[in-house]
Every structure is written in C-alpha cells, then in structure tokens.
Amino acid sequence: MASKVVRSRAPAAAAPLATALRGLGFTDYEARAYAALAARQPATAYEIAIQAGLPRANVYSALRALEAKGAIQPVTENPVRYVPVNPEQFFRGIQRSTSGLCEDVMREMKRAARDDGGNSYVSVLRGEAEVRLRLKEMIEAAREHVWLKGTVTLIAPHARELAAAARRGVTVRLIVFGRAVPGLKPHRRIQVIPHEGDGELHGPPSDALLTATVDGSSMLIASFTDSVRASFARDYPVIYVIETLLLHEIYLAEIHTAFGPQLEARFGRQLSGLRRKYRPRGRGRPVIEGSEPG
C-alpha cells in the first residue's frame, strides 16, 4: 500500500514574513515559499513545499520567480538546494529602487498637473487630521502667496509652515479674528490683518471657519465644528471667487484703518446697519425689511 504523504503546516513565525512580502509585491506562493526557505535553509523544492504547505508544482514556479528576482540562489546540485540571497543586500536594493520609482512618479504627477489645464476638481475632506494635512501640503507647495482667513487659534497650528513659506519668499497675508497668531514671529513677508480693522469676532460661524488660497491654484474652506470637514478645490472659477472674497476683506480692513470713526458713525459698529439690511435670513441676524444703515 502506498504511504500517505503528510504535509506540514508552515510555522506560525513565517506568517508575518509572508504578509510583509506580499505587501512588497510578492505573489502568495512566492511569499510563502520564501518564508519557508528563511525558516529552513538550505532546502530543496520538496522540503520547501512541505514546510510551506504548498503543492510541489506551484513551488517550482515560485522558486524560479524568486531566483529571477534575485531573492534566492541555488547552492547544490542533485538535488538542487536553495538559500536566500543576503537579505539586507536584497531588500536594501528593493528599498532604493522603490524610493526612486516613487520620486519619478511624484515628479511626473507634478509635471502633469502643471501641463493639464483641465486638472480641475472639488473634493470633500473629513476629520481634523485630514484637513490639517491638506492645508499643510498647500502651504508647503506655495511659491507666490498664501492667504488665510480665520481665528488666530485656528491658524496657529500652521505657524511653522507659514514662517517657512515666508523665509523662502512667499507672501503670507492673514486676515484674522484676533491680533497676533501664537507661535508666529514677525517677518517682512507676513502681514497680519485684523478682520475689518478690529479683529473682533462676529460669532458663529466666523469662529469656526478657516479659509485658505494658495497661488491662485488651490483653495480650502474648513469648518471646525464637532464634525470637522472641508471643501478643497483646484477649480479656477471657484478659486477666483474665494481669492476675490479675501482680497475684499483686505481692502475693507485697510478702509477701516483709515476711516474707522466715520464708518461707525454712518453704518454702526461692525457695520451693523449694513448687516441688518443685507444679510439673508438664517445667517445669525434677521433681515429688517426696508431698514436703512444707521
């Protein structure tokens, strides 16, 4: 009677290694064969099949693929036994190659973004970590200008990136509810502009909104309420509207600085007369029909 071949299961220690190898692009059979060989070397194809719990036919093709990758090498003949190539040498090579490929991809993506005039979109970001990361990336990519509007506490987490942008020649203009941004030292390329001349909050939603534009090429509007979310755009018409809004905020702050007393006398504190007249319903203060600025 023919004896029954009992296949052993791969040792538990091989599972994490095989998982990591699959993450590097190894096939399942390649990963399991390599992990088995790492646990028992040198080894024949038959011994690797037993160790890995794989069909022998599949092991032969997996070993040929691993040898072609430069991951293993034969060390004996009749029977052929294999050992892993120096792991540090082999995986350092993969690391260098992968890093170089990633650099190539990023460079080509940036080039494509510059060349493709149709590269326009609007996306939604959710969660403070995602919103903060996107704003950080925007500031770090800036080459000409960064404009931000928000409370000093919402802007403060980006003080380091803003300072670095100014040092590399980027003009930074901050329209703030408040006076000074914590952690941000004065710099000739950083202009802190108190909102409407006094930097006083008008209440919700101003205390939870952060608006940013960079180089006329991207914009972000974030709401820091219980559920933090933001709209991010590379769509030129949207960016144009938001940059125009921020420019008019800058104009208004300059006008307040020069004509504050006259404006308060004509329109009330914080332009309350104009706000009563023109604000739509549902935006904090009711519209008073037919009212005149006071």
Protein backbone atom coordinates (compact mmCIF):
# COMPACT_ATOMS: atom_id res chain seq x y z
CA MET A 1 0.00 0.00 0.00
CA ALA A 2 1.35 3.40 -0.94
CA SER A 3 2.30 5.54 2.00
CA LYS A 4 0.35 8.74 2.51
CA VAL A 5 2.35 11.98 2.35
CA VAL A 6 1.50 14.25 5.25
CA ARG A 7 2.14 17.92 4.58
CA SER A 8 3.17 20.07 7.50
CA ARG A 9 1.75 23.50 8.08
CA ALA A 10 4.06 26.48 7.69
CA PRO A 11 5.38 27.60 11.11
CA ALA A 12 3.45 30.46 12.70
CA ALA A 13 6.58 32.66 12.64
CA ALA A 14 6.50 32.56 8.81
CA ALA A 15 3.07 34.21 8.58
CA PRO A 16 4.18 37.79 9.40
CA LEU A 17 7.11 37.50 6.98
CA ALA A 18 4.86 36.20 4.20
CA THR A 19 2.39 39.02 4.83
CA ALA A 20 5.16 41.63 4.60
CA LEU A 21 6.47 40.08 1.39
CA ARG A 22 3.02 40.20 -0.20
CA GLY A 23 2.99 43.90 0.68
CA LEU A 24 6.20 44.26 -1.36
CA GLY A 25 4.57 42.73 -4.42
CA PHE A 26 5.46 39.06 -3.98
CA THR A 27 2.75 36.63 -5.04
CA ASP A 28 1.19 34.50 -2.33
CA TYR A 29 3.15 31.41 -3.39
CA GLU A 30 6.42 33.37 -3.69
CA ALA A 31 5.90 34.90 -0.24
CA ARG A 32 5.10 31.55 1.40
CA ALA A 33 7.98 29.75 -0.33
CA TYR A 34 10.46 32.47 0.67
CA ALA A 35 9.23 32.45 4.27
CA ALA A 36 9.57 28.67 4.40
CA LEU A 37 13.10 28.84 2.99
CA ALA A 38 14.01 31.53 5.53
CA ALA A 39 12.93 29.15 8.31
CA ARG A 40 14.77 26.13 6.86
CA GLN A 41 17.84 26.59 4.68
CA PRO A 42 19.32 25.23 2.55
CA ALA A 43 16.30 23.36 1.31
CA THR A 44 15.07 21.51 -1.77
CA ALA A 45 11.86 22.37 -3.59
CA TYR A 46 10.24 19.32 -2.00
CA GLU A 47 11.30 20.39 1.52
CA ILE A 48 10.07 23.94 0.88
CA ALA A 49 6.72 22.58 -0.36
CA ILE A 50 6.34 20.54 2.83
CA GLN A 51 7.43 23.45 5.04
CA ALA A 52 5.10 25.93 3.30
CA GLY A 53 2.18 23.55 2.83
CA LEU A 54 2.16 24.19 -0.93
CA PRO A 55 1.73 21.88 -3.96
CA ARG A 56 5.14 20.96 -5.40
CA ALA A 57 4.23 22.11 -8.92
CA ASN A 58 3.48 25.60 -7.61
CA VAL A 59 6.65 25.70 -5.53
CA TYR A 60 8.86 25.07 -8.58
CA SER A 61 7.41 28.06 -10.44
CA ALA A 62 7.59 30.20 -7.29
CA LEU A 63 11.26 29.31 -6.78
CA ARG A 64 12.08 30.13 -10.40
CA ALA A 65 10.40 33.53 -9.96
CA LEU A 66 12.28 34.19 -6.69
CA GLU A 67 15.57 33.26 -8.32
CA ALA A 68 14.78 35.64 -11.22
CA LYS A 69 14.11 38.43 -8.72
CA GLY A 70 17.50 37.80 -7.14
CA ALA A 71 15.93 36.83 -3.82
CA ILE A 72 17.29 33.24 -3.64
CA GLN A 73 20.08 31.22 -5.19
CA PRO A 74 20.90 27.52 -5.62
CA VAL A 75 23.89 26.23 -3.64
CA THR A 76 23.96 22.49 -4.52
CA GLU A 77 23.03 20.21 -7.40
CA ASN A 78 21.42 16.76 -7.45
CA PRO A 79 19.29 17.64 -5.57
CA VAL A 80 19.15 21.41 -6.00
CA ARG A 81 19.04 23.21 -2.68
CA TYR A 82 18.32 26.90 -2.24
CA VAL A 83 19.23 29.63 0.24
CA PRO A 84 18.09 33.27 0.44
CA VAL A 85 20.47 35.85 -1.02
CA ASN A 86 21.86 38.14 1.70
CA PRO A 87 18.53 39.65 2.93
CA GLU A 88 19.98 43.08 3.79
CA GLN A 89 21.58 43.39 0.36
CA PHE A 90 18.46 42.20 -1.48
CA PHE A 91 15.87 44.27 0.43
CA ARG A 92 18.06 47.40 0.51
CA GLY A 93 18.09 47.13 -3.27
CA ILE A 94 14.28 46.97 -3.34
CA GLN A 95 14.16 49.95 -0.97
CA ARG A 96 16.40 52.06 -3.22
CA SER A 97 14.53 51.03 -6.35
CA THR A 98 11.10 51.67 -4.84
CA SER A 99 12.17 55.05 -3.46
CA GLY A 100 13.49 56.06 -6.88
CA LEU A 101 10.29 54.96 -8.58
CA CYS A 102 8.18 56.93 -6.09
CA GLU A 103 10.27 60.04 -6.77
CA ASP A 104 9.75 59.54 -10.52
CA VAL A 105 6.00 59.15 -10.06
CA MET A 106 5.73 62.29 -7.89
CA ARG A 107 7.79 64.29 -10.38
CA GLU A 108 5.63 63.15 -13.29
CA MET A 109 2.43 63.86 -11.35
CA LYS A 110 3.59 67.42 -10.65
CA ARG A 111 4.54 67.89 -14.29
CA ALA A 112 1.18 66.54 -15.45
CA ALA A 113 -0.65 68.83 -13.02
CA ARG A 114 1.17 71.85 -14.47
CA ASP A 115 0.60 70.80 -18.07
CA ASP A 116 -3.03 69.73 -17.81
CA GLY A 117 -5.20 72.81 -17.86
CA GLY A 118 -8.24 70.61 -17.29
CA ASN A 119 -6.96 69.32 -13.97
CA SER A 120 -9.86 70.87 -12.03
CA TYR A 121 -11.87 69.31 -9.25
CA VAL A 122 -13.56 69.91 -5.92
CA SER A 123 -13.29 67.35 -3.12
CA VAL A 124 -14.53 66.97 0.47
CA LEU A 125 -12.13 66.30 3.36
CA ARG A 126 -13.34 64.83 6.65
CA GLY A 127 -11.70 64.88 10.07
CA GLU A 128 -9.27 67.40 11.53
CA ALA A 129 -6.19 65.33 10.74
CA GLU A 130 -7.06 65.12 7.03
CA VAL A 131 -7.96 68.82 6.84
CA ARG A 132 -4.79 69.94 8.65
CA LEU A 133 -2.61 67.71 6.47
CA ARG A 134 -4.08 69.09 3.24
CA LEU A 135 -3.61 72.70 4.41
CA LYS A 136 -0.02 71.89 5.45
CA GLU A 137 0.64 70.47 1.98
CA MET A 138 -0.87 73.55 0.34
CA ILE A 139 1.33 75.93 2.33
CA GLU A 140 4.46 73.85 1.74
CA ALA A 141 3.77 73.83 -2.01
CA ALA A 142 3.23 77.62 -2.20
CA ARG A 143 5.59 79.58 -4.42
CA GLU A 144 3.98 83.03 -4.63
CA HIS A 145 1.35 83.71 -1.97
CA VAL A 146 -0.69 82.21 0.85
CA TRP A 147 -3.86 83.94 2.02
CA LEU A 148 -5.67 82.74 5.14
CA LYS A 149 -8.75 83.96 6.99
CA GLY A 150 -9.79 82.65 10.40
CA THR A 151 -9.37 82.96 14.13
CA VAL A 152 -5.82 83.12 15.43
CA THR A 153 -6.35 79.81 17.26
CA LEU A 154 -7.34 78.03 14.02
CA ILE A 155 -4.35 79.48 12.15
CA ALA A 156 -1.79 78.89 14.93
CA PRO A 157 -1.26 75.13 14.24
CA HIS A 158 0.25 76.15 10.88
CA ALA A 159 2.59 78.84 12.22
CA ARG A 160 5.68 76.78 11.41
CA GLU A 161 4.70 76.15 7.78
CA LEU A 162 3.71 79.80 7.32
CA ALA A 163 7.04 81.01 8.70
CA ALA A 164 8.92 78.59 6.44
CA ALA A 165 6.92 79.82 3.42
CA ALA A 166 7.82 83.43 4.21
CA ARG A 167 11.51 82.54 4.53
CA ARG A 168 11.53 81.04 1.03
CA GLY A 169 9.99 84.18 -0.46
CA VAL A 170 6.24 83.51 -0.30
CA THR A 171 3.96 86.44 0.61
CA VAL A 172 1.73 85.45 3.54
CA ARG A 173 -1.38 87.51 4.31
CA LEU A 174 -3.51 86.52 7.29
CA ILE A 175 -6.96 88.04 7.84
CA VAL A 176 -7.51 87.22 11.49
CA PHE A 177 -10.15 87.36 14.16
CA GLY A 178 -7.76 88.44 16.88
CA ARG A 179 -4.50 90.34 16.85
CA ALA A 180 -1.47 88.04 16.86
CA VAL A 181 -1.08 84.42 15.80
CA PRO A 182 0.51 82.37 18.62
CA GLY A 183 3.89 80.96 17.61
CA LEU A 184 4.24 83.15 14.52
CA LYS A 185 7.12 85.62 14.72
CA PRO A 186 7.06 88.88 12.74
CA HIS A 187 8.52 88.67 9.25
CA ARG A 188 8.65 91.19 6.42
CA ARG A 189 6.70 88.81 4.16
CA ILE A 190 4.00 88.07 6.74
CA GLN A 191 1.12 90.53 7.06
CA VAL A 192 -1.39 90.01 9.88
CA ILE A 193 -4.58 91.95 9.12
CA PRO A 194 -7.24 92.23 11.85
CA HIS A 195 -10.62 91.45 10.30
CA GLU A 196 -12.49 94.69 9.47
CA GLY A 197 -9.81 96.65 11.26
CA ASP A 198 -10.51 95.43 14.80
CA GLY A 199 -10.23 91.64 14.56
CA GLU A 200 -13.34 91.13 16.69
CA LEU A 201 -15.44 88.02 16.26
CA HIS A 202 -18.97 88.33 14.94
CA GLY A 203 -19.98 85.00 16.42
CA PRO A 204 -20.88 81.78 14.58
CA PRO A 205 -19.91 80.66 12.04
CA SER A 206 -16.89 83.02 11.86
CA ASP A 207 -15.35 81.45 14.95
CA ALA A 208 -15.22 78.00 13.33
CA LEU A 209 -14.32 78.72 9.71
CA LEU A 210 -10.87 78.73 8.13
CA THR A 211 -10.44 79.85 4.51
CA ALA A 212 -7.21 79.48 2.53
CA THR A 213 -5.97 80.05 -1.02
CA VAL A 214 -2.51 79.39 -2.44
CA ASP A 215 -1.02 80.85 -5.62
CA GLY A 216 -4.42 81.15 -7.29
CA SER A 217 -4.23 77.38 -7.88
CA SER A 218 -5.95 75.81 -4.86
CA MET A 219 -8.37 76.76 -2.11
CA LEU A 220 -9.71 75.23 1.09
CA ILE A 221 -12.66 76.19 3.29
CA ALA A 222 -12.81 74.25 6.56
CA SER A 223 -15.45 74.14 9.28
CA PHE A 224 -14.03 73.24 12.70
CA THR A 225 -17.25 72.25 14.42
CA ASP A 226 -17.95 68.95 16.20
CA SER A 227 -17.57 67.20 12.83
CA VAL A 228 -14.58 68.81 11.10
CA ARG A 229 -14.86 68.91 7.32
CA ALA A 230 -13.57 70.99 4.43
CA SER A 231 -14.03 71.65 0.74
CA PHE A 232 -10.84 71.63 -1.30
CA ALA A 233 -10.70 72.82 -4.90
CA ARG A 234 -8.39 73.19 -7.84
CA ASP A 235 -11.21 74.56 -9.97
CA TYR A 236 -10.19 78.02 -11.23
CA PRO A 237 -13.62 79.72 -11.14
CA VAL A 238 -14.11 78.61 -7.51
CA ILE A 239 -10.60 79.73 -6.54
CA TYR A 240 -11.13 83.08 -8.28
CA VAL A 241 -14.29 83.74 -6.27
CA ILE A 242 -12.61 82.86 -2.94
CA GLU A 243 -9.48 84.91 -3.69
CA THR A 244 -11.68 87.87 -4.67
CA LEU A 245 -13.54 87.49 -1.35
CA LEU A 246 -10.25 87.53 0.59
CA LEU A 247 -8.96 90.50 -1.40
CA HIS A 248 -12.08 92.46 -0.49
CA GLU A 249 -11.56 91.51 3.16
CA ILE A 250 -8.08 93.04 2.88
CA TYR A 251 -9.48 96.17 1.20
CA LEU A 252 -12.13 96.51 3.90
CA ALA A 253 -9.56 96.20 6.69
CA GLU A 254 -7.46 98.96 5.09
CA ILE A 255 -10.55 101.16 4.75
CA HIS A 256 -11.44 100.57 8.42
CA THR A 257 -7.92 101.53 9.46
CA ALA A 258 -8.18 104.82 7.58
CA PHE A 259 -11.83 105.72 8.17
CA GLY A 260 -12.95 103.75 11.22
CA PRO A 261 -14.75 106.54 13.13
CA GLN A 262 -16.60 107.77 10.03
CA LEU A 263 -17.69 104.23 9.12
CA GLU A 264 -19.02 103.57 12.63
CA ALA A 265 -20.88 106.87 12.62
CA ARG A 266 -22.50 106.11 9.28
CA PHE A 267 -23.09 102.33 9.43
CA GLY A 268 -22.81 101.40 13.12
CA ARG A 269 -20.26 99.29 14.96
CA GLN A 270 -19.09 96.29 12.93
CA LEU A 271 -21.17 97.62 10.02
CA SER A 272 -24.28 96.53 11.88
CA GLY A 273 -26.52 98.73 9.79
CA LEU A 274 -25.37 97.14 6.56
CA ARG A 275 -25.62 93.67 8.03
CA ARG A 276 -29.20 94.27 9.16
CA LYS A 277 -30.08 95.50 5.70
CA TYR A 278 -28.45 92.86 3.52
CA ARG A 279 -27.97 89.62 5.44
CA PRO A 280 -30.24 86.81 4.25
CA ARG A 281 -32.50 85.17 6.79
CA GLY A 282 -30.91 82.34 8.76
CA ARG A 283 -27.45 83.88 8.97
CA GLY A 284 -27.32 84.94 12.59
CA ARG A 285 -29.27 88.17 12.47
CA PRO A 286 -32.73 88.77 10.97
CA VAL A 287 -33.21 90.94 7.93
CA ILE A 288 -35.14 94.12 8.81
CA GLU A 289 -37.22 94.94 5.78
CA GLY A 290 -36.73 98.44 4.46
CA SER A 291 -34.16 99.36 7.11
CA GLU A 292 -31.53 101.92 6.29
CA PRO A 293 -27.95 101.82 7.51
CA GLY A 294 -27.76 103.58 10.82
